[in-house]
C-alpha cells in the first residue's frame, strides 16, 4: 500500500510547520509545499490555512475531515504492514527498536553487542529519532518497540518501566544559587530547589524534544519565569554553554557517563523529593513477547541501571 498523500497531509497537520514536516518525511520543504499545493488544486478545496506571524499550517474544516479519515487509512496500512512483516520474517526473526537519539549514543553499542552474543541469528535493528518522530514511526508500524522518556502515552500500547530517571539541574560552578544546595543522606548529588532559579537564563532543548517538555513542566509546577530561553538541540552544546557561564540547563542522569566532562558544570537533584522522568519500553498491546524479545528487555534494563549508578 502506498499512502504518500495521506502521510504527507497528516504529518504537516501534526507538525504545523513546513520545514519540520519535510524533515520528518525526508524530503525538501519546497517539494512538500508543491505537493500540498497540487493536492489542494486537484481536490478543489484548501486543506490548510496559514495563520500567525510564522505562517503556521492550520487545518481548515474540510482539512480536519480529511485528516480524520487519512489517519484511519494509515492505521489500517500499519496493521497490514505488520502482517506482511511477520509473514516475511517467519524464518528469520527481526526486532526493530526505536530509541531516542541521545540515548542511542550510550546504549545501542552495548545492548547490540550483548544481544548478538545470546541470539546471533536474530536481527536487531535500531532507529534513533527524537521522541515525536519515534511515536510516529511506532504508529506507522515502522518499529516494534520504543525506548524513551515518555510524557504522553499512546492507546493500545503496553509501557514497561525501565527506570525512574532523575532529572538534574546543571549550573556553572560560579553560580550564586549553589550556596543554597543541601545534602540528603544517601543521594550522590546535592539537592537544589528550583525556586532559587526564577528569572534566570535557561538553555533548553527544542520544543519537540522530551527534555524540553520536562523542562516546561518543571517551569509550570514550580512557578519559574525564565528571563530568557536559549534553544539548542544537542545536550553536549547545552552543557558546553553552561560550562561557559551562559546560563543554566537540565540534564538526565543516564546521559552523564557517556557525555564529555565539563570542568565548570555542577549537577544537582531538583527539589527535596527529586524530579524524575519515566524511562520506559513500549510495545503494542496484544503482542506476545518471544524469548529473544524478553532477553532484549532484560539487557536494556541492566544497561540502563549501570548508566544510572
C-alpha atoms as a PDB file:
ATOM      1  CA  UNK A   1       0.000   0.000   0.000  1.00  0.00           C
ATOM      2  CA  UNK A   2       1.268   3.473  -0.882  1.00  0.00           C
ATOM      3  CA  UNK A   3      -0.498   6.226   1.053  1.00  0.00           C
ATOM      4  CA  UNK A   4       2.003   9.010   0.434  1.00  0.00           C
ATOM      5  CA  UNK A   5      -0.725  11.629   0.044  1.00  0.00           C
ATOM      6  CA  UNK A   6      -2.292  10.779   3.398  1.00  0.00           C
ATOM      7  CA  UNK A   7       1.090  10.575   5.121  1.00  0.00           C
ATOM      8  CA  UNK A   8       2.167  13.988   3.815  1.00  0.00           C
ATOM      9  CA  UNK A   9      -1.048  15.734   4.870  1.00  0.00           C
ATOM     10  CA  UNK A  10      -1.163  14.112   8.325  1.00  0.00           C
ATOM     11  CA  UNK A  11       2.499  14.892   9.000  1.00  0.00           C
ATOM     12  CA  UNK A  12       2.054  18.552   8.063  1.00  0.00           C
ATOM     13  CA  UNK A  13      -1.094  18.716  10.199  1.00  0.00           C
ATOM     14  CA  UNK A  14       0.851  17.288  13.149  1.00  0.00           C
ATOM     15  CA  UNK A  15       3.939  19.498  12.762  1.00  0.00           C
ATOM     16  CA  UNK A  16       2.126  22.680  11.630  1.00  0.00           C
ATOM     17  CA  UNK A  17       5.462  23.783  10.200  1.00  0.00           C
ATOM     18  CA  UNK A  18       6.640  23.096   6.633  1.00  0.00           C
ATOM     19  CA  UNK A  19      10.328  22.610   7.476  1.00  0.00           C
ATOM     20  CA  UNK A  20       9.706  20.250  10.417  1.00  0.00           C
ATOM     21  CA  UNK A  21       7.191  18.217   8.420  1.00  0.00           C
ATOM     22  CA  UNK A  22       9.575  17.961   5.455  1.00  0.00           C
ATOM     23  CA  UNK A  23      12.363  16.813   7.775  1.00  0.00           C
ATOM     24  CA  UNK A  24      10.125  14.103   9.240  1.00  0.00           C
ATOM     25  CA  UNK A  25       9.210  12.961   5.722  1.00  0.00           C
ATOM     26  CA  UNK A  26      12.822  13.088   4.469  1.00  0.00           C
ATOM     27  CA  UNK A  27      12.002  15.473   1.623  1.00  0.00           C
ATOM     28  CA  UNK A  28      12.744  19.148   0.981  1.00  0.00           C
ATOM     29  CA  UNK A  29      10.338  21.859   2.203  1.00  0.00           C
ATOM     30  CA  UNK A  30       9.885  23.088  -1.361  1.00  0.00           C
ATOM     31  CA  UNK A  31       8.914  19.609  -2.566  1.00  0.00           C
ATOM     32  CA  UNK A  32       6.371  19.267   0.241  1.00  0.00           C
ATOM     33  CA  UNK A  33       4.954  22.731  -0.452  1.00  0.00           C
ATOM     34  CA  UNK A  34       4.491  21.936  -4.150  1.00  0.00           C
ATOM     35  CA  UNK A  35       2.912  18.565  -3.321  1.00  0.00           C
ATOM     36  CA  UNK A  36       0.361  20.089  -0.904  1.00  0.00           C
ATOM     37  CA  UNK A  37      -0.455  22.932  -3.316  1.00  0.00           C
ATOM     38  CA  UNK A  38      -1.032  20.493  -6.206  1.00  0.00           C
ATOM     39  CA  UNK A  39      -3.154  18.267  -3.989  1.00  0.00           C
ATOM     40  CA  UNK A  40      -5.352  21.188  -2.919  1.00  0.00           C
ATOM     41  CA  UNK A  41      -5.745  22.217  -6.562  1.00  0.00           C
ATOM     42  CA  UNK A  42      -6.773  18.679  -7.527  1.00  0.00           C
ATOM     43  CA  UNK A  43      -9.247  18.473  -4.660  1.00  0.00           C
ATOM     44  CA  UNK A  44     -10.624  21.926  -5.398  1.00  0.00           C
ATOM     45  CA  UNK A  45     -10.569  22.953  -1.716  1.00  0.00           C
ATOM     46  CA  UNK A  46      -7.840  24.159   0.673  1.00  0.00           C
ATOM     47  CA  UNK A  47      -6.856  21.672   3.380  1.00  0.00           C
ATOM     48  CA  UNK A  48      -4.673  24.193   5.221  1.00  0.00           C
ATOM     49  CA  UNK A  49      -4.734  27.859   6.085  1.00  0.00           C
ATOM     50  CA  UNK A  50      -1.654  29.888   7.080  1.00  0.00           C
ATOM     51  CA  UNK A  51      -2.045  31.552  10.484  1.00  0.00           C
ATOM     52  CA  UNK A  52       0.026  33.775  12.756  1.00  0.00           C
ATOM     53  CA  UNK A  53       3.232  35.670  12.157  1.00  0.00           C
ATOM     54  CA  UNK A  54       5.123  32.447  11.483  1.00  0.00           C
ATOM     55  CA  UNK A  55       2.517  31.319   8.924  1.00  0.00           C
ATOM     56  CA  UNK A  56       1.842  28.035  10.700  1.00  0.00           C
ATOM     57  CA  UNK A  57      -0.202  25.462   8.809  1.00  0.00           C
ATOM     58  CA  UNK A  58      -3.621  25.018  10.430  1.00  0.00           C
ATOM     59  CA  UNK A  59      -6.291  22.681   9.103  1.00  0.00           C
ATOM     60  CA  UNK A  60      -9.423  24.074   7.519  1.00  0.00           C
ATOM     61  CA  UNK A  61     -12.728  22.373   8.497  1.00  0.00           C
ATOM     62  CA  UNK A  62     -12.550  20.147   5.396  1.00  0.00           C
ATOM     63  CA  UNK A  63      -8.888  19.537   6.175  1.00  0.00           C
ATOM     64  CA  UNK A  64      -9.845  18.232   9.616  1.00  0.00           C
ATOM     65  CA  UNK A  65     -12.337  15.853   8.000  1.00  0.00           C
ATOM     66  CA  UNK A  66      -9.619  14.713   5.579  1.00  0.00           C
ATOM     67  CA  UNK A  67      -7.119  14.034   8.386  1.00  0.00           C
ATOM     68  CA  UNK A  68      -9.640  12.047  10.441  1.00  0.00           C
ATOM     69  CA  UNK A  69     -10.143   9.652   7.535  1.00  0.00           C
ATOM     70  CA  UNK A  70      -6.495   9.659   6.461  1.00  0.00           C
ATOM     71  CA  UNK A  71      -5.331   8.663   9.950  1.00  0.00           C
ATOM     72  CA  UNK A  72      -7.674   5.668   9.854  1.00  0.00           C
ATOM     73  CA  UNK A  73      -6.236   4.688   6.473  1.00  0.00           C
ATOM     74  CA  UNK A  74      -2.685   4.978   7.822  1.00  0.00           C
ATOM     75  CA  UNK A  75      -3.616   2.850  10.833  1.00  0.00           C
ATOM     76  CA  UNK A  76      -5.016   0.174   8.517  1.00  0.00           C
ATOM     77  CA  UNK A  77      -1.854   0.348   6.427  1.00  0.00           C
ATOM     78  CA  UNK A  78       0.272  -0.083   9.561  1.00  0.00           C
ATOM     79  CA  UNK A  79      -1.743  -3.154  10.559  1.00  0.00           C
ATOM     80  CA  UNK A  80      -1.342  -4.659   7.102  1.00  0.00           C
ATOM     81  CA  UNK A  81       2.370  -3.840   7.003  1.00  0.00           C
ATOM     82  CA  UNK A  82       2.696  -5.658  10.330  1.00  0.00           C
ATOM     83  CA  UNK A  83       1.055  -8.729   8.834  1.00  0.00           C
ATOM     84  CA  UNK A  84       3.387  -8.539   5.844  1.00  0.00           C
ATOM     85  CA  UNK A  85       6.459  -8.141   8.042  1.00  0.00           C
ATOM     86  CA  UNK A  86       5.502 -11.102  10.193  1.00  0.00           C
ATOM     87  CA  UNK A  87       4.957 -13.230   7.085  1.00  0.00           C
ATOM     88  CA  UNK A  88       8.336 -12.237   5.657  1.00  0.00           C
ATOM     89  CA  UNK A  89      10.228 -12.885   8.875  1.00  0.00           C
ATOM     90  CA  UNK A  90       8.738 -16.223   9.883  1.00  0.00           C
ATOM     91  CA  UNK A  91      12.007 -17.927   9.039  1.00  0.00           C
ATOM     92  CA  UNK A  92      14.234 -15.062  10.201  1.00  0.00           C
ATOM     93  CA  UNK A  93      13.288 -13.067  13.275  1.00  0.00           C
ATOM     94  CA  UNK A  94      13.713  -9.314  13.071  1.00  0.00           C
ATOM     95  CA  UNK A  95      13.353  -6.954  16.028  1.00  0.00           C
ATOM     96  CA  UNK A  96      13.075  -3.240  15.237  1.00  0.00           C
ATOM     97  CA  UNK A  97      13.711  -0.837  18.098  1.00  0.00           C
ATOM     98  CA  UNK A  98      13.134   2.914  18.026  1.00  0.00           C
ATOM     99  CA  UNK A  99      15.217   4.820  20.564  1.00  0.00           C
ATOM    100  CA  UNK A 100      15.828   8.468  21.458  1.00  0.00           C
ATOM    101  CA  UNK A 101      18.827   9.873  19.613  1.00  0.00           C
ATOM    102  CA  UNK A 102      20.743  10.958  22.705  1.00  0.00           C
ATOM    103  CA  UNK A 103      20.039   7.638  24.431  1.00  0.00           C
ATOM    104  CA  UNK A 104      21.247   5.679  21.424  1.00  0.00           C
ATOM    105  CA  UNK A 105      24.779   7.030  21.827  1.00  0.00           C
ATOM    106  CA  UNK A 106      25.250   5.382  25.203  1.00  0.00           C
ATOM    107  CA  UNK A 107      23.019   2.316  24.902  1.00  0.00           C
ATOM    108  CA  UNK A 108      22.993   0.878  21.394  1.00  0.00           C
ATOM    109  CA  UNK A 109      26.602  -0.395  21.136  1.00  0.00           C
ATOM    110  CA  UNK A 110      26.451  -2.255  24.460  1.00  0.00           C
ATOM    111  CA  UNK A 111      22.912  -3.598  24.032  1.00  0.00           C
ATOM    112  CA  UNK A 112      23.591  -4.763  20.483  1.00  0.00           C
ATOM    113  CA  UNK A 113      26.856  -6.494  21.411  1.00  0.00           C
ATOM    114  CA  UNK A 114      25.358  -8.339  24.383  1.00  0.00           C
ATOM    115  CA  UNK A 115      22.212  -9.329  22.486  1.00  0.00           C
ATOM    116  CA  UNK A 116      24.112 -10.726  19.470  1.00  0.00           C
ATOM    117  CA  UNK A 117      26.164 -12.965  21.752  1.00  0.00           C
ATOM    118  CA  UNK A 118      22.989 -14.604  23.018  1.00  0.00           C
ATOM    119  CA  UNK A 119      20.953 -14.517  19.797  1.00  0.00           C
ATOM    120  CA  UNK A 120      23.324 -14.398  16.804  1.00  0.00           C
ATOM    121  CA  UNK A 121      20.561 -15.466  14.384  1.00  0.00           C
ATOM    122  CA  UNK A 122      18.110 -12.726  15.359  1.00  0.00           C
ATOM    123  CA  UNK A 123      18.471  -9.446  13.508  1.00  0.00           C
ATOM    124  CA  UNK A 124      18.262  -6.454  15.838  1.00  0.00           C
ATOM    125  CA  UNK A 125      17.812  -3.073  14.142  1.00  0.00           C
ATOM    126  CA  UNK A 126      17.827   0.301  15.938  1.00  0.00           C
ATOM    127  CA  UNK A 127      16.295   3.543  14.668  1.00  0.00           C
ATOM    128  CA  UNK A 128      17.438   6.666  16.552  1.00  0.00           C
ATOM    129  CA  UNK A 129      14.956   9.558  16.464  1.00  0.00           C
ATOM    130  CA  UNK A 130      13.560  12.425  18.510  1.00  0.00           C
ATOM    131  CA  UNK A 131      10.590  11.337  20.593  1.00  0.00           C
ATOM    132  CA  UNK A 132       7.839  12.798  18.361  1.00  0.00           C
ATOM    133  CA  UNK A 133       9.177  11.073  15.246  1.00  0.00           C
ATOM    134  CA  UNK A 134       9.666   7.924  17.289  1.00  0.00           C
ATOM    135  CA  UNK A 135       5.984   7.843  18.210  1.00  0.00           C
ATOM    136  CA  UNK A 136       5.012   8.445  14.590  1.00  0.00           C
ATOM    137  CA  UNK A 137       7.138   5.528  13.390  1.00  0.00           C
ATOM    138  CA  UNK A 138       5.549   3.354  16.059  1.00  0.00           C
ATOM    139  CA  UNK A 139       2.064   4.375  14.896  1.00  0.00           C
ATOM    140  CA  UNK A 140       3.051   3.518  11.320  1.00  0.00           C
ATOM    141  CA  UNK A 141       4.426   0.130  12.445  1.00  0.00           C
ATOM    142  CA  UNK A 142       7.944   1.007  11.320  1.00  0.00           C
ATOM    143  CA  UNK A 143       9.346  -0.116  14.704  1.00  0.00           C
ATOM    144  CA  UNK A 144       8.262  -2.885  17.085  1.00  0.00           C
ATOM    145  CA  UNK A 145       9.494  -1.287  20.308  1.00  0.00           C
ATOM    146  CA  UNK A 146      10.063   2.261  21.575  1.00  0.00           C
ATOM    147  CA  UNK A 147      12.658   3.072  24.239  1.00  0.00           C
ATOM    148  CA  UNK A 148      12.272   6.609  25.519  1.00  0.00           C
ATOM    149  CA  UNK A 149      11.350   9.031  28.263  1.00  0.00           C
ATOM    150  CA  UNK A 150       7.583   9.309  27.919  1.00  0.00           C
ATOM    151  CA  UNK A 151       5.374  12.207  28.965  1.00  0.00           C
ATOM    152  CA  UNK A 152       2.355  11.193  26.876  1.00  0.00           C
ATOM    153  CA  UNK A 153       1.010   7.712  26.249  1.00  0.00           C
ATOM    154  CA  UNK A 154      -0.495   6.112  23.156  1.00  0.00           C
ATOM    155  CA  UNK A 155      -3.629   3.947  23.299  1.00  0.00           C
ATOM    156  CA  UNK A 156      -3.417   0.159  22.878  1.00  0.00           C
ATOM    157  CA  UNK A 157       0.232   0.227  23.948  1.00  0.00           C
ATOM    158  CA  UNK A 158       1.992  -1.584  26.791  1.00  0.00           C
ATOM    159  CA  UNK A 159       4.559   0.508  28.690  1.00  0.00           C
ATOM    160  CA  UNK A 160       7.218  -1.438  30.594  1.00  0.00           C
ATOM    161  CA  UNK A 161       9.050   0.701  33.154  1.00  0.00           C
ATOM    162  CA  UNK A 162      12.828   0.588  32.848  1.00  0.00           C
ATOM    163  CA  UNK A 163      13.673   3.264  35.425  1.00  0.00           C
ATOM    164  CA  UNK A 164      12.548   6.396  37.220  1.00  0.00           C
ATOM    165  CA  UNK A 165      15.343   8.614  35.938  1.00  0.00           C
ATOM    166  CA  UNK A 166      16.393  11.668  37.953  1.00  0.00           C
ATOM    167  CA  UNK A 167      16.381  14.988  36.120  1.00  0.00           C
ATOM    168  CA  UNK A 168      19.401  17.124  37.008  1.00  0.00           C
ATOM    169  CA  UNK A 169      19.977  20.853  37.158  1.00  0.00           C
ATOM    170  CA  UNK A 170      23.224  21.963  35.514  1.00  0.00           C
ATOM    171  CA  UNK A 171      24.793  25.176  36.813  1.00  0.00           C
ATOM    172  CA  UNK A 172      28.108  26.950  36.232  1.00  0.00           C
ATOM    173  CA  UNK A 173      30.325  26.375  39.271  1.00  0.00           C
ATOM    174  CA  UNK A 174      30.335  30.147  39.991  1.00  0.00           C
ATOM    175  CA  UNK A 175      26.539  30.466  40.170  1.00  0.00           C
ATOM    176  CA  UNK A 176      25.403  32.014  43.490  1.00  0.00           C
ATOM    177  CA  UNK A 177      22.450  29.591  43.839  1.00  0.00           C
ATOM    178  CA  UNK A 178      24.952  26.795  44.547  1.00  0.00           C
ATOM    179  CA  UNK A 179      25.226  28.238  48.065  1.00  0.00           C
ATOM    180  CA  UNK A 180      21.611  27.117  48.622  1.00  0.00           C
ATOM    181  CA  UNK A 181      22.301  23.449  47.747  1.00  0.00           C
ATOM    182  CA  UNK A 182      21.831  20.880  50.506  1.00  0.00           C
ATOM    183  CA  UNK A 183      22.631  17.250  51.234  1.00  0.00           C
ATOM    184  CA  UNK A 184      20.064  14.466  51.503  1.00  0.00           C
ATOM    185  CA  UNK A 185      21.515  11.343  53.049  1.00  0.00           C
ATOM    186  CA  UNK A 186      22.017   8.516  50.580  1.00  0.00           C
ATOM    187  CA  UNK A 187      21.975  10.676  47.420  1.00  0.00           C
ATOM    188  CA  UNK A 188      25.064  11.044  45.251  1.00  0.00           C
ATOM    189  CA  UNK A 189      24.255  14.651  44.275  1.00  0.00           C
ATOM    190  CA  UNK A 190      23.349  17.660  46.361  1.00  0.00           C
ATOM    191  CA  UNK A 191      19.779  18.939  46.089  1.00  0.00           C
ATOM    192  CA  UNK A 192      18.791  22.408  44.920  1.00  0.00           C
ATOM    193  CA  UNK A 193      15.279  23.854  44.925  1.00  0.00           C
ATOM    194  CA  UNK A 194      14.272  25.162  41.519  1.00  0.00           C
ATOM    195  CA  UNK A 195      12.722  28.201  43.179  1.00  0.00           C
ATOM    196  CA  UNK A 196      16.231  29.661  43.557  1.00  0.00           C
ATOM    197  CA  UNK A 197      16.474  29.936  39.756  1.00  0.00           C
ATOM    198  CA  UNK A 198      13.494  32.131  38.986  1.00  0.00           C
ATOM    199  CA  UNK A 199      14.217  34.818  36.357  1.00  0.00           C
ATOM    200  CA  UNK A 200      17.328  33.002  35.064  1.00  0.00           C
ATOM    201  CA  UNK A 201      18.555  32.376  31.522  1.00  0.00           C
ATOM    202  CA  UNK A 202      17.824  28.723  30.750  1.00  0.00           C
ATOM    203  CA  UNK A 203      19.471  26.811  27.905  1.00  0.00           C
ATOM    204  CA  UNK A 204      16.925  24.194  26.844  1.00  0.00           C
ATOM    205  CA  UNK A 205      16.340  21.637  24.046  1.00  0.00           C
ATOM    206  CA  UNK A 206      13.924  22.270  21.178  1.00  0.00           C
ATOM    207  CA  UNK A 207      10.134  22.118  21.758  1.00  0.00           C
ATOM    208  CA  UNK A 208       9.776  18.678  20.122  1.00  0.00           C
ATOM    209  CA  UNK A 209      12.367  17.046  22.405  1.00  0.00           C
ATOM    210  CA  UNK A 210      11.301  15.162  25.543  1.00  0.00           C
ATOM    211  CA  UNK A 211      13.696  17.031  27.857  1.00  0.00           C
ATOM    212  CA  UNK A 212      12.177  20.334  26.731  1.00  0.00           C
ATOM    213  CA  UNK A 213       8.726  19.107  27.637  1.00  0.00           C
ATOM    214  CA  UNK A 214      10.050  18.053  31.031  1.00  0.00           C
ATOM    215  CA  UNK A 215      11.633  21.493  31.457  1.00  0.00           C
ATOM    216  CA  UNK A 216       8.374  23.252  30.546  1.00  0.00           C
ATOM    217  CA  UNK A 217       6.515  21.108  33.091  1.00  0.00           C
ATOM    218  CA  UNK A 218       9.056  21.981  35.792  1.00  0.00           C
ATOM    219  CA  UNK A 219       8.690  25.683  34.997  1.00  0.00           C
ATOM    220  CA  UNK A 220       4.903  25.458  35.343  1.00  0.00           C
ATOM    221  CA  UNK A 221       4.824  23.358  38.501  1.00  0.00           C
ATOM    222  CA  UNK A 222       7.491  25.410  40.287  1.00  0.00           C
ATOM    223  CA  UNK A 223       6.232  28.821  39.054  1.00  0.00           C
ATOM    224  CA  UNK A 224       9.544  29.599  37.364  1.00  0.00           C
ATOM    225  CA  UNK A 225       9.673  32.534  34.950  1.00  0.00           C
ATOM    226  CA  UNK A 226      12.785  32.244  32.755  1.00  0.00           C
ATOM    227  CA  UNK A 227      14.368  35.564  31.936  1.00  0.00           C
ATOM    228  CA  UNK A 228      15.377  34.104  28.588  1.00  0.00           C
ATOM    229  CA  UNK A 229      15.196  30.705  26.837  1.00  0.00           C
ATOM    230  CA  UNK A 230      18.054  29.695  24.557  1.00  0.00           C
ATOM    231  CA  UNK A 231      17.032  26.701  22.420  1.00  0.00           C
ATOM    232  CA  UNK A 232      19.697  24.165  21.403  1.00  0.00           C
ATOM    233  CA  UNK A 233      19.076  20.643  20.097  1.00  0.00           C
ATOM    234  CA  UNK A 234      22.260  18.930  21.328  1.00  0.00           C
ATOM    235  CA  UNK A 235      22.890  18.253  25.014  1.00  0.00           C
ATOM    236  CA  UNK A 236      26.673  18.496  24.683  1.00  0.00           C
ATOM    237  CA  UNK A 237      26.334  22.016  23.294  1.00  0.00           C
ATOM    238  CA  UNK A 238      23.900  22.945  26.082  1.00  0.00           C
ATOM    239  CA  UNK A 239      26.338  21.699  28.721  1.00  0.00           C
ATOM    240  CA  UNK A 240      29.209  23.492  26.972  1.00  0.00           C
ATOM    241  CA  UNK A 241      27.273  26.760  27.177  1.00  0.00           C
ATOM    242  CA  UNK A 242      26.529  26.152  30.860  1.00  0.00           C
ATOM    243  CA  UNK A 243      30.242  25.444  31.307  1.00  0.00           C
ATOM    244  CA  UNK A 244      30.973  28.915  29.904  1.00  0.00           C
ATOM    245  CA  UNK A 245      28.514  30.579  32.279  1.00  0.00           C
ATOM    246  CA  UNK A 246      25.964  31.478  29.587  1.00  0.00           C
ATOM    247  CA  UNK A 247      23.003  30.126  31.543  1.00  0.00           C
ATOM    248  CA  UNK A 248      21.655  27.120  33.428  1.00  0.00           C
ATOM    249  CA  UNK A 249      20.202  23.925  31.984  1.00  0.00           C
ATOM    250  CA  UNK A 250      18.827  20.449  32.589  1.00  0.00           C
ATOM    251  CA  UNK A 251      20.302  17.000  32.009  1.00  0.00           C
ATOM    252  CA  UNK A 252      19.411  13.375  32.645  1.00  0.00           C
ATOM    253  CA  UNK A 253      21.374  11.123  34.964  1.00  0.00           C
ATOM    254  CA  UNK A 254      21.650   8.408  32.312  1.00  0.00           C
ATOM    255  CA  UNK A 255      23.366  10.773  29.860  1.00  0.00           C
ATOM    256  CA  UNK A 256      26.311  11.644  32.090  1.00  0.00           C
ATOM    257  CA  UNK A 257      28.527   8.507  31.783  1.00  0.00           C
ATOM    258  CA  UNK A 258      28.921   8.936  28.010  1.00  0.00           C
ATOM    259  CA  UNK A 259      28.981  12.724  27.920  1.00  0.00           C
ATOM    260  CA  UNK A 260      32.046  14.906  27.782  1.00  0.00           C
ATOM    261  CA  UNK A 261      33.109  16.023  31.262  1.00  0.00           C
ATOM    262  CA  UNK A 262      32.742  19.784  31.638  1.00  0.00           C
ATOM    263  CA  UNK A 263      35.109  21.233  34.226  1.00  0.00           C
ATOM    264  CA  UNK A 264      32.896  24.104  35.372  1.00  0.00           C
ATOM    265  CA  UNK A 265      29.462  22.403  35.383  1.00  0.00           C
ATOM    266  CA  UNK A 266      27.899  21.300  38.668  1.00  0.00           C
ATOM    267  CA  UNK A 267      24.884  18.940  38.749  1.00  0.00           C
ATOM    268  CA  UNK A 268      22.097  18.923  41.338  1.00  0.00           C
ATOM    269  CA  UNK A 269      18.991  16.880  42.054  1.00  0.00           C
ATOM    270  CA  UNK A 270      15.902  19.065  41.767  1.00  0.00           C
ATOM    271  CA  UNK A 271      13.941  19.860  44.933  1.00  0.00           C
ATOM    272  CA  UNK A 272      13.622  17.798  48.093  1.00  0.00           C
ATOM    273  CA  UNK A 273      11.607  14.921  46.588  1.00  0.00           C
ATOM    274  CA  UNK A 274      13.756  14.702  43.409  1.00  0.00           C
ATOM    275  CA  UNK A 275      12.234  15.290  39.975  1.00  0.00           C
ATOM    276  CA  UNK A 276      12.259  12.216  37.712  1.00  0.00           C
ATOM    277  CA  UNK A 277      11.167  11.170  34.223  1.00  0.00           C
ATOM    278  CA  UNK A 278       9.628   7.840  33.288  1.00  0.00           C
ATOM    279  CA  UNK A 279      12.071   5.880  31.140  1.00  0.00           C
ATOM    280  CA  UNK A 280      10.121   3.041  29.537  1.00  0.00           C
ATOM    281  CA  UNK A 281       9.994   0.481  26.771  1.00  0.00           C
ATOM    282  CA  UNK A 282       6.740   0.300  24.817  1.00  0.00           C
ATOM    283  CA  UNK A 283       5.168  -2.264  22.511  1.00  0.00           C
ATOM    284  CA  UNK A 284       1.729  -2.927  21.062  1.00  0.00           C
ATOM    285  CA  UNK A 285      -0.990  -4.376  23.240  1.00  0.00           C
ATOM    286  CA  UNK A 286      -1.691  -7.991  22.340  1.00  0.00           C
ATOM    287  CA  UNK A 287       1.877  -8.673  21.197  1.00  0.00           C
ATOM    288  CA  UNK A 288       3.308 -11.866  22.729  1.00  0.00           C
ATOM    289  CA  UNK A 289       6.962 -11.409  23.599  1.00  0.00           C
ATOM    290  CA  UNK A 290       9.358 -14.003  22.216  1.00  0.00           C
ATOM    291  CA  UNK A 291      12.277 -15.355  24.250  1.00  0.00           C
ATOM    292  CA  UNK A 292      14.685 -13.104  22.362  1.00  0.00           C
ATOM    293  CA  UNK A 293      12.489 -10.041  22.970  1.00  0.00           C
ATOM    294  CA  UNK A 294      12.318 -10.798  26.694  1.00  0.00           C
ATOM    295  CA  UNK A 295      16.100 -11.120  26.715  1.00  0.00           C
ATOM    296  CA  UNK A 296      16.407  -7.784  24.907  1.00  0.00           C
ATOM    297  CA  UNK A 297      14.290  -6.045  27.556  1.00  0.00           C
ATOM    298  CA  UNK A 298      16.426  -7.591  30.287  1.00  0.00           C
ATOM    299  CA  UNK A 299      19.635  -6.380  28.613  1.00  0.00           C
ATOM    300  CA  UNK A 300      18.217  -2.867  28.197  1.00  0.00           C
ATOM    301  CA  UNK A 301      17.226  -2.780  31.892  1.00  0.00           C
ATOM    302  CA  UNK A 302      20.688  -3.890  33.002  1.00  0.00           C
ATOM    303  CA  UNK A 303      22.401  -1.390  30.724  1.00  0.00           C
ATOM    304  CA  UNK A 304      20.272   1.493  31.987  1.00  0.00           C
ATOM    305  CA  UNK A 305      20.753   0.582  35.649  1.00  0.00           C
ATOM    306  CA  UNK A 306      24.515   0.572  35.116  1.00  0.00           C
ATOM    307  CA  UNK A 307      24.406   4.013  33.459  1.00  0.00           C
ATOM    308  CA  UNK A 308      22.457   5.490  36.367  1.00  0.00           C
ATOM    309  CA  UNK A 309      24.714   4.269  39.166  1.00  0.00           C
END
